[in-house]
C-alpha atoms as a PDB file:
ATOM      1  CA  MET A   1       0.389  -0.590  -0.043  1.00  0.00           C
ATOM      2  CA  ILE A   2       1.355   3.551  -0.430  1.00  0.00           C
ATOM      3  CA  PRO A   3       1.802   5.416   2.185  1.00  0.00           C
ATOM      4  CA  TRP A   4       0.550   8.857   3.126  1.00  0.00           C
ATOM      5  CA  ILE A   5       2.441  11.587   2.630  1.00  0.00           C
ATOM      6  CA  VAL A   6       2.807  15.108   4.763  1.00  0.00           C
ATOM      7  CA  LEU A   7       3.076  18.339   2.725  1.00  0.00           C
ATOM      8  CA  ASP A   8       2.187  20.948   4.619  1.00  0.00           C
ATOM      9  CA  THR A   9       0.454  21.912   7.998  1.00  0.00           C
ATOM     10  CA  ALA A  10      -0.746  24.732   8.973  1.00  0.00           C
ATOM     11  CA  LYS A  11      -1.501  27.005  11.782  1.00  0.00           C
ATOM     12  CA  ILE A  12      -5.294  28.094  12.805  1.00  0.00           C
ATOM     13  CA  PRO A  13      -5.861  31.568  13.803  1.00  0.00           C
ATOM     14  CA  GLY A  14      -6.922  31.127  17.487  1.00  0.00           C
ATOM     15  CA  GLY A  15      -5.638  27.880  17.596  1.00  0.00           C
ATOM     16  CA  GLY A  16      -4.897  23.916  15.468  1.00  0.00           C
ATOM     17  CA  GLU A  17      -2.869  23.176  12.475  1.00  0.00           C
ATOM     18  CA  LEU A  18      -3.877  21.841   9.886  1.00  0.00           C
ATOM     19  CA  ARG A  19      -1.885  19.019   8.054  1.00  0.00           C
ATOM     20  CA  LEU A  20      -2.109  18.297   4.147  1.00  0.00           C
ATOM     21  CA  LYS A  21      -1.839  15.027   3.480  1.00  0.00           C
ATOM     22  CA  GLN A  22      -1.190  12.784  -0.080  1.00  0.00           C
ATOM     23  CA  ARG A  23      -1.552   9.736  -1.037  1.00  0.00           C
ATOM     24  CA  GLY A  24      -0.274   8.943  -4.949  1.00  0.00           C
ATOM     25  CA  THR A  25      -3.537  11.042  -6.481  1.00  0.00           C
ATOM     26  CA  GLU A  26      -5.392  11.428  -3.763  1.00  0.00           C
ATOM     27  CA  PHE A  27      -5.413  13.790  -0.937  1.00  0.00           C
ATOM     28  CA  SER A  28      -6.190  14.358   2.227  1.00  0.00           C
ATOM     29  CA  ILE A  29      -6.445  17.116   5.016  1.00  0.00           C
ATOM     30  CA  MET A  30      -6.288  16.147   8.738  1.00  0.00           C
ATOM     31  CA  LEU A  31      -6.945  18.158  12.112  1.00  0.00           C
ATOM     32  CA  GLY A  32      -5.192  15.923  14.293  1.00  0.00           C
ATOM     33  CA  SER A  33      -6.326  12.592  14.489  1.00  0.00           C
ATOM     34  CA  ASN A  34      -9.771  13.698  12.576  1.00  0.00           C
ATOM     35  CA  GLU A  35      -9.953  13.548   8.617  1.00  0.00           C
ATOM     36  CA  LEU A  36     -11.329  17.156   7.484  1.00  0.00           C
ATOM     37  CA  MET A  37     -11.407  16.319   3.522  1.00  0.00           C
ATOM     38  CA  ASN A  38     -10.841  14.135   1.371  1.00  0.00           C
ATOM     39  CA  SER A  39     -10.506  14.569  -2.573  1.00  0.00           C
ATOM     40  CA  ARG A  40     -11.830  11.036  -3.231  1.00  0.00           C
ATOM     41  CA  LEU A  41     -15.603  11.711  -1.183  1.00  0.00           C
ATOM     42  CA  SER A  42     -16.769  15.142  -3.395  1.00  0.00           C
ATOM     43  CA  GLY A  43     -20.345  14.592  -3.262  1.00  0.00           C
ATOM     44  CA  SER A  44     -21.937  16.196  -0.034  1.00  0.00           C
ATOM     45  CA  GLU A  45     -19.905  19.513  -0.628  1.00  0.00           C
ATOM     46  CA  GLU A  46     -21.222  19.626  -3.682  1.00  0.00           C
ATOM     47  CA  ALA A  47     -24.481  18.787  -3.240  1.00  0.00           C
ATOM     48  CA  LEU A  48     -24.410  22.058  -0.719  1.00  0.00           C
ATOM     49  CA  ALA A  49     -23.747  24.500  -4.570  1.00  0.00           C
ATOM     50  CA  LYS A  50     -26.345  22.248  -6.410  1.00  0.00           C
ATOM     51  CA  LEU A  51     -28.744  22.939  -3.492  1.00  0.00           C
ATOM     52  CA  ALA A  52     -28.075  26.664  -3.645  1.00  0.00           C
ATOM     53  CA  CYS A  53     -27.736  27.652  -7.133  1.00  0.00           C
ATOM     54  CA  GLU A  54     -31.960  25.564  -7.740  1.00  0.00           C
ATOM     55  CA  ARG A  55     -32.658  28.023  -5.181  1.00  0.00           C
ATOM     56  CA  ILE A  56     -31.998  31.011  -6.843  1.00  0.00           C
ATOM     57  CA  ALA A  57     -32.275  29.845 -10.939  1.00  0.00           C
ATOM     58  CA  GLY A  58     -32.891  32.469 -12.954  1.00  0.00           C
ATOM     59  CA  ARG A  59     -31.714  35.475 -11.220  1.00  0.00           C
ATOM     60  CA  GLY A  60     -30.027  38.307 -13.257  1.00  0.00           C
ATOM     61  CA  LYS A  61     -26.291  38.665 -12.260  1.00  0.00           C
ATOM     62  CA  PRO A  62     -26.521  35.780  -8.894  1.00  0.00           C
ATOM     63  CA  LYS A  63     -23.669  37.327  -6.131  1.00  0.00           C
ATOM     64  CA  ILE A  64     -22.907  33.841  -4.488  1.00  0.00           C
ATOM     65  CA  LEU A  65     -20.419  33.414  -1.184  1.00  0.00           C
ATOM     66  CA  ILE A  66     -18.479  30.445   0.228  1.00  0.00           C
ATOM     67  CA  GLY A  67     -17.370  29.938   3.058  1.00  0.00           C
ATOM     68  CA  GLY A  68     -14.734  27.538   2.674  1.00  0.00           C
ATOM     69  CA  LEU A  69     -12.304  26.765   0.243  1.00  0.00           C
ATOM     70  CA  GLY A  70     -11.965  23.617   0.361  1.00  0.00           C
ATOM     71  CA  MET A  71     -10.486  21.576  -1.483  1.00  0.00           C
ATOM     72  CA  GLY A  72     -12.972  23.611  -4.571  1.00  0.00           C
ATOM     73  CA  PHE A  73     -15.104  20.882  -4.726  1.00  0.00           C
ATOM     74  CA  THR A  74     -18.546  23.586  -3.894  1.00  0.00           C
ATOM     75  CA  LEU A  75     -17.001  25.784  -6.027  1.00  0.00           C
ATOM     76  CA  ARG A  76     -16.293  24.139  -9.107  1.00  0.00           C
ATOM     77  CA  ALA A  77     -19.872  22.383  -8.924  1.00  0.00           C
ATOM     78  CA  ALA A  78     -20.961  26.384  -8.690  1.00  0.00           C
ATOM     79  CA  LEU A  79     -19.279  27.310 -11.093  1.00  0.00           C
ATOM     80  CA  ALA A  80     -20.743  24.450 -13.656  1.00  0.00           C
ATOM     81  CA  LEU A  81     -23.907  25.208 -12.454  1.00  0.00           C
ATOM     82  CA  LEU A  82     -24.350  29.138 -12.828  1.00  0.00           C
ATOM     83  CA  GLY A  83     -24.453  31.057 -15.598  1.00  0.00           C
ATOM     84  CA  LYS A  84     -21.510  33.879 -17.051  1.00  0.00           C
ATOM     85  CA  ASP A  85     -23.128  37.344 -14.945  1.00  0.00           C
ATOM     86  CA  ALA A  86     -22.199  35.016 -11.657  1.00  0.00           C
ATOM     87  CA  ARG A  87     -20.015  36.392  -9.262  1.00  0.00           C
ATOM     88  CA  ILE A  88     -18.735  33.992  -6.854  1.00  0.00           C
ATOM     89  CA  VAL A  89     -16.353  35.278  -3.493  1.00  0.00           C
ATOM     90  CA  VAL A  90     -14.628  32.699  -2.234  1.00  0.00           C
ATOM     91  CA  ALA A  91     -13.175  33.661   1.635  1.00  0.00           C
ATOM     92  CA  GLU A  92     -10.364  31.434   2.487  1.00  0.00           C
ATOM     93  CA  LEU A  93      -9.395  31.960   6.536  1.00  0.00           C
ATOM     94  CA  VAL A  94      -5.871  30.010   5.597  1.00  0.00           C
ATOM     95  CA  PRO A  95      -3.416  31.687   2.999  1.00  0.00           C
ATOM     96  CA  GLU A  96      -1.849  28.027   2.943  1.00  0.00           C
ATOM     97  CA  VAL A  97      -5.279  26.202   1.695  1.00  0.00           C
ATOM     98  CA  VAL A  98      -5.250  29.027  -0.540  1.00  0.00           C
ATOM     99  CA  ALA A  99      -1.413  27.710  -1.709  1.00  0.00           C
ATOM    100  CA  TRP A 100      -1.829  23.770  -1.721  1.00  0.00           C
ATOM    101  CA  ALA A 101      -4.986  24.382  -3.929  1.00  0.00           C
ATOM    102  CA  ARG A 102      -2.425  26.169  -6.457  1.00  0.00           C
ATOM    103  CA  GLY A 103       0.424  24.060  -6.198  1.00  0.00           C
ATOM    104  CA  PRO A 104       0.281  19.630  -4.761  1.00  0.00           C
ATOM    105  CA  MET A 105      -3.657  20.494  -5.600  1.00  0.00           C
ATOM    106  CA  ALA A 106      -3.891  22.321  -8.640  1.00  0.00           C
ATOM    107  CA  GLU A 107      -5.096  18.795 -10.531  1.00  0.00           C
ATOM    108  CA  VAL A 108      -8.012  18.639  -8.175  1.00  0.00           C
ATOM    109  CA  PHE A 109      -8.692  22.435  -8.418  1.00  0.00           C
ATOM    110  CA  ALA A 110      -9.157  22.180 -11.893  1.00  0.00           C
ATOM    111  CA  GLY A 111      -7.409  25.867 -12.530  1.00  0.00           C
ATOM    112  CA  CYS A 112     -11.571  27.096 -11.242  1.00  0.00           C
ATOM    113  CA  LEU A 113      -9.911  29.730  -8.665  1.00  0.00           C
ATOM    114  CA  ASP A 114      -8.690  31.687 -12.730  1.00  0.00           C
ATOM    115  CA  ASP A 115     -11.947  31.386 -13.616  1.00  0.00           C
ATOM    116  CA  PRO A 116     -12.875  34.966 -13.758  1.00  0.00           C
ATOM    117  CA  ARG A 117     -16.014  35.026 -12.193  1.00  0.00           C
ATOM    118  CA  VAL A 118     -13.871  33.599  -9.124  1.00  0.00           C
ATOM    119  CA  GLU A 119     -12.681  36.580  -6.486  1.00  0.00           C
ATOM    120  CA  VAL A 120     -10.779  34.648  -3.246  1.00  0.00           C
ATOM    121  CA  VAL A 121     -10.407  36.105  -0.547  1.00  0.00           C
ATOM    122  CA  GLU A 122      -7.918  35.214   2.332  1.00  0.00           C
ATOM    123  CA  GLY A 123      -9.926  35.944   5.394  1.00  0.00           C
ATOM    124  CA  ASP A 124     -13.423  35.673   7.670  1.00  0.00           C
ATOM    125  CA  VAL A 125     -16.623  34.541   6.305  1.00  0.00           C
ATOM    126  CA  GLY A 126     -18.215  35.914   8.799  1.00  0.00           C
ATOM    127  CA  ARG A 127     -16.650  40.078   8.264  1.00  0.00           C
ATOM    128  CA  LEU A 128     -17.666  40.353   4.582  1.00  0.00           C
ATOM    129  CA  ILE A 129     -21.341  38.253   6.133  1.00  0.00           C
ATOM    130  CA  ARG A 130     -21.665  41.548   8.892  1.00  0.00           C
ATOM    131  CA  ASP A 131     -20.328  43.989   6.397  1.00  0.00           C
ATOM    132  CA  GLY A 132     -22.665  42.746   3.375  1.00  0.00           C
ATOM    133  CA  LYS A 133     -26.690  43.756   3.680  1.00  0.00           C
ATOM    134  CA  GLY A 134     -28.553  42.410   1.129  1.00  0.00           C
ATOM    135  CA  THR A 135     -24.989  41.992  -1.024  1.00  0.00           C
ATOM    136  CA  TYR A 136     -25.756  38.078  -1.503  1.00  0.00           C
ATOM    137  CA  ASP A 137     -28.289  35.723  -4.033  1.00  0.00           C
ATOM    138  CA  ALA A 138     -26.892  33.434  -1.705  1.00  0.00           C
ATOM    139  CA  ILE A 139     -24.695  32.346   1.282  1.00  0.00           C
ATOM    140  CA  LEU A 140     -22.807  28.273   0.823  1.00  0.00           C
ATOM    141  CA  LEU A 141     -21.620  27.919   4.166  1.00  0.00           C
ATOM    142  CA  ASP A 142     -18.148  24.613   4.828  1.00  0.00           C
ATOM    143  CA  VAL A 143     -16.651  26.067   7.491  1.00  0.00           C
ATOM    144  CA  ASP A 144     -15.566  23.107  10.051  1.00  0.00           C
ATOM    145  CA  ASN A 145     -17.595  20.844  10.709  1.00  0.00           C
ATOM    146  CA  GLY A 146     -21.222  21.943  10.336  1.00  0.00           C
ATOM    147  CA  PRO A 147     -22.615  24.133  13.787  1.00  0.00           C
ATOM    148  CA  GLU A 148     -20.540  22.321  15.759  1.00  0.00           C
ATOM    149  CA  GLY A 149     -17.612  23.860  15.550  1.00  0.00           C
ATOM    150  CA  LEU A 150     -14.146  20.874  15.254  1.00  0.00           C
ATOM    151  CA  SER A 151     -10.982  22.858  14.120  1.00  0.00           C
ATOM    152  CA  ARG A 152     -11.698  26.905  15.815  1.00  0.00           C
ATOM    153  CA  ASP A 153     -13.410  28.048  18.452  1.00  0.00           C
ATOM    154  CA  ALA A 154     -14.546  31.167  16.428  1.00  0.00           C
ATOM    155  CA  ASN A 155     -16.166  29.441  13.563  1.00  0.00           C
ATOM    156  CA  ASP A 156     -19.651  29.161  16.415  1.00  0.00           C
ATOM    157  CA  SER A 157     -19.968  33.297  15.461  1.00  0.00           C
ATOM    158  CA  LEU A 158     -21.351  32.377  12.185  1.00  0.00           C
ATOM    159  CA  TYR A 159     -24.322  29.867  13.363  1.00  0.00           C
ATOM    160  CA  ASN A 160     -25.429  31.427  16.408  1.00  0.00           C
ATOM    161  CA  HIS A 161     -28.166  33.377  16.847  1.00  0.00           C
ATOM    162  CA  ALA A 162     -26.731  36.478  16.272  1.00  0.00           C
ATOM    163  CA  GLY A 163     -24.949  34.314  13.075  1.00  0.00           C
ATOM    164  CA  LEU A 164     -27.709  33.470  11.568  1.00  0.00           C
ATOM    165  CA  HIS A 165     -28.847  37.127  12.261  1.00  0.00           C
ATOM    166  CA  ALA A 166     -26.425  38.633  10.185  1.00  0.00           C
ATOM    167  CA  ALA A 167     -26.629  35.654   7.686  1.00  0.00           C
ATOM    168  CA  ARG A 168     -29.817  36.745   6.794  1.00  0.00           C
ATOM    169  CA  SER A 169     -29.482  40.163   7.250  1.00  0.00           C
ATOM    170  CA  ALA A 170     -26.138  39.964   4.244  1.00  0.00           C
ATOM    171  CA  LEU A 171     -28.839  37.800   1.666  1.00  0.00           C
ATOM    172  CA  LYS A 172     -31.252  39.053  -0.901  1.00  0.00           C
ATOM    173  CA  PRO A 173     -34.979  38.835  -1.048  1.00  0.00           C
ATOM    174  CA  GLY A 174     -35.738  35.285  -1.172  1.00  0.00           C
ATOM    175  CA  GLY A 175     -32.252  34.785  -0.554  1.00  0.00           C
ATOM    176  CA  VAL A 176     -30.636  31.629   0.609  1.00  0.00           C
ATOM    177  CA  LEU A 177     -28.144  30.197   3.678  1.00  0.00           C
ATOM    178  CA  THR A 178     -26.927  26.851   2.757  1.00  0.00           C
ATOM    179  CA  VAL A 179     -24.797  25.229   4.940  1.00  0.00           C
ATOM    180  CA  TRP A 180     -23.419  22.069   5.895  1.00  0.00           C
ATOM    181  CA  SER A 181     -22.888  19.632   8.311  1.00  0.00           C
ATOM    182  CA  GLN A 182     -21.548  16.402   8.849  1.00  0.00           C
ATOM    183  CA  GLY A 183     -24.207  15.019  11.390  1.00  0.00           C
ATOM    184  CA  PRO A 184     -27.545  16.412  11.875  1.00  0.00           C
ATOM    185  CA  ASP A 185     -27.499  18.305  14.954  1.00  0.00           C
ATOM    186  CA  ARG A 186     -31.982  19.811  15.623  1.00  0.00           C
ATOM    187  CA  ALA A 187     -30.483  22.789  18.203  1.00  0.00           C
ATOM    188  CA  PHE A 188     -29.360  24.386  15.205  1.00  0.00           C
ATOM    189  CA  THR A 189     -32.032  23.470  13.236  1.00  0.00           C
ATOM    190  CA  ARG A 190     -34.756  25.508  15.335  1.00  0.00           C
ATOM    191  CA  ARG A 191     -32.263  28.604  15.512  1.00  0.00           C
ATOM    192  CA  LEU A 192     -32.287  28.189  11.958  1.00  0.00           C
ATOM    193  CA  HIS A 193     -36.514  28.559  12.443  1.00  0.00           C
ATOM    194  CA  GLU A 194     -35.847  31.086  15.187  1.00  0.00           C
ATOM    195  CA  SER A 195     -34.212  33.773  12.808  1.00  0.00           C
ATOM    196  CA  GLY A 196     -36.306  33.662  10.264  1.00  0.00           C
ATOM    197  CA  PHE A 197     -35.219  30.699   7.499  1.00  0.00           C
ATOM    198  CA  VAL A 198     -37.633  28.718   5.756  1.00  0.00           C
ATOM    199  CA  VAL A 199     -36.289  25.944   6.874  1.00  0.00           C
ATOM    200  CA  ASP A 200     -35.276  22.083   4.100  1.00  0.00           C
ATOM    201  CA  GLU A 201     -32.794  19.702   6.450  1.00  0.00           C
ATOM    202  CA  VAL A 202     -30.906  17.501   3.274  1.00  0.00           C
ATOM    203  CA  LYS A 203     -29.665  14.270   4.025  1.00  0.00           C
ATOM    204  CA  VAL A 204     -25.931  13.540   1.166  1.00  0.00           C
ATOM    205  CA  ARG A 205     -24.453  11.382   0.653  1.00  0.00           C
ATOM    206  CA  ALA A 206     -20.444  12.090   0.803  1.00  0.00           C
ATOM    207  CA  SER A 207     -19.889  10.115  -2.198  1.00  0.00           C
ATOM    208  CA  THR A 208     -21.107  11.474  -5.696  1.00  0.00           C
ATOM    209  CA  LYS A 209     -21.344   7.283  -6.217  1.00  0.00           C
ATOM    210  CA  GLY A 210     -24.345   7.266  -3.304  1.00  0.00           C
ATOM    211  CA  GLY A 211     -21.875   5.596  -0.067  1.00  0.00           C
ATOM    212  CA  GLY A 212     -19.771   6.848   1.926  1.00  0.00           C
ATOM    213  CA  ALA A 213     -20.839   8.346   5.428  1.00  0.00           C
ATOM    214  CA  ARG A 214     -24.800  10.425   4.990  1.00  0.00           C
ATOM    215  CA  HIS A 215     -24.657  14.281   6.027  1.00  0.00           C
ATOM    216  CA  VAL A 216     -25.997  17.201   6.220  1.00  0.00           C
ATOM    217  CA  ILE A 217     -27.448  20.125   4.220  1.00  0.00           C
ATOM    218  CA  TRP A 218     -29.569  22.450   5.615  1.00  0.00           C
ATOM    219  CA  VAL A 219     -31.142  24.843   2.953  1.00  0.00           C
ATOM    220  CA  ALA A 220     -32.178  28.232   4.683  1.00  0.00           C
ATOM    221  CA  ALA A 221     -34.486  30.028   2.745  1.00  0.00           C
ATOM    222  CA  ASN A 222     -35.113  34.213   3.617  1.00  0.00           C
ATOM    223  CA  GLY A 223     -38.392  33.992   3.389  1.00  0.00           C
ATOM    224  CA  GLY A 224     -41.288  36.996   5.820  1.00  0.00           C
ATOM    225  CA  ALA A 225     -40.079  39.625   7.493  1.00  0.00           C
ATOM    226  CA  ALA A 226     -37.407  40.010   9.278  1.00  0.00           C
ATOM    227  CA  VAL A 227     -38.020  39.021  13.230  1.00  0.00           C
ATOM    228  CA  SER A 228     -36.362  40.507  16.476  1.00  0.00           C
ATOM    229  CA  ARG A 229     -32.403  38.929  17.483  1.00  0.00           C
ATOM    230  CA  PRO A 230     -32.391  36.438  20.101  1.00  0.00           C
ATOM    231  CA  ARG A 231     -29.760  36.822  22.881  1.00  0.00           C
ATOM    232  CA  SER A 232     -27.098  33.653  22.584  1.00  0.00           C
ATOM    233  CA  SER A 233     -24.395  33.235  25.025  1.00  0.00           C
ATOM    234  CA  PRO A 234     -20.858  32.021  23.409  1.00  0.00           C
ATOM    235  CA  ARG A 235     -21.599  28.655  22.375  1.00  0.00           C
ATOM    236  CA  THR A 236     -24.214  27.787  20.928  1.00  0.00           C
ATOM    237  CA  GLY A 237     -22.887  26.157  18.401  1.00  0.00           C
ATOM    238  CA  GLN A 238     -23.624  23.151  20.244  1.00  0.00           C
ATOM    239  CA  ALA A 239     -26.123  20.854  20.470  1.00  0.00           C
END
């Protein structure tokens, strides 16, 4: 069997370290003993884009925000589904992940970062959301392992009541928020409803061939009148 080789490491702002590993043509990004993503498993990340793009089909000049570059599966799926007038902003907190996309994983990314519709921002997606009132037709979040943070405690601020209120404010009327998660989280579903979203919870497979682990994607539509923002604790990202 071909052994895994560690190609590089990257510090996560606020603590923790990512490791990029390669075995033959397969890549893996690890956090400790946890595999965050693998180049052989793209099904649920592609579904994150598909579910969002279906909801905004027919809109002229759609603007999309993707939180988390990962291995580019969500970005490539969105590019395939959206027209030439679309604009996609990808926020990636760890600069080395962008460097890996242009370096050792360039074949996996297949030049998608050079698409004229794409802008990569090395920074916190939460800041772009807070600064983007009424800006986006869709916000796609594949940050951490889902609403229950694994790699960075600060990620919880995306998924608590305050973060969801900011996401809803950043969406255009009728826009959609899609959120990837390793598994279900009833408390997060409840927070989405409480924040004024109309919510569907979709179970998808990790593999494009219909196998692998079952992941969850929340499809949250920005519908109805604005709601008041409930007070939340610093760790409401946990179920």
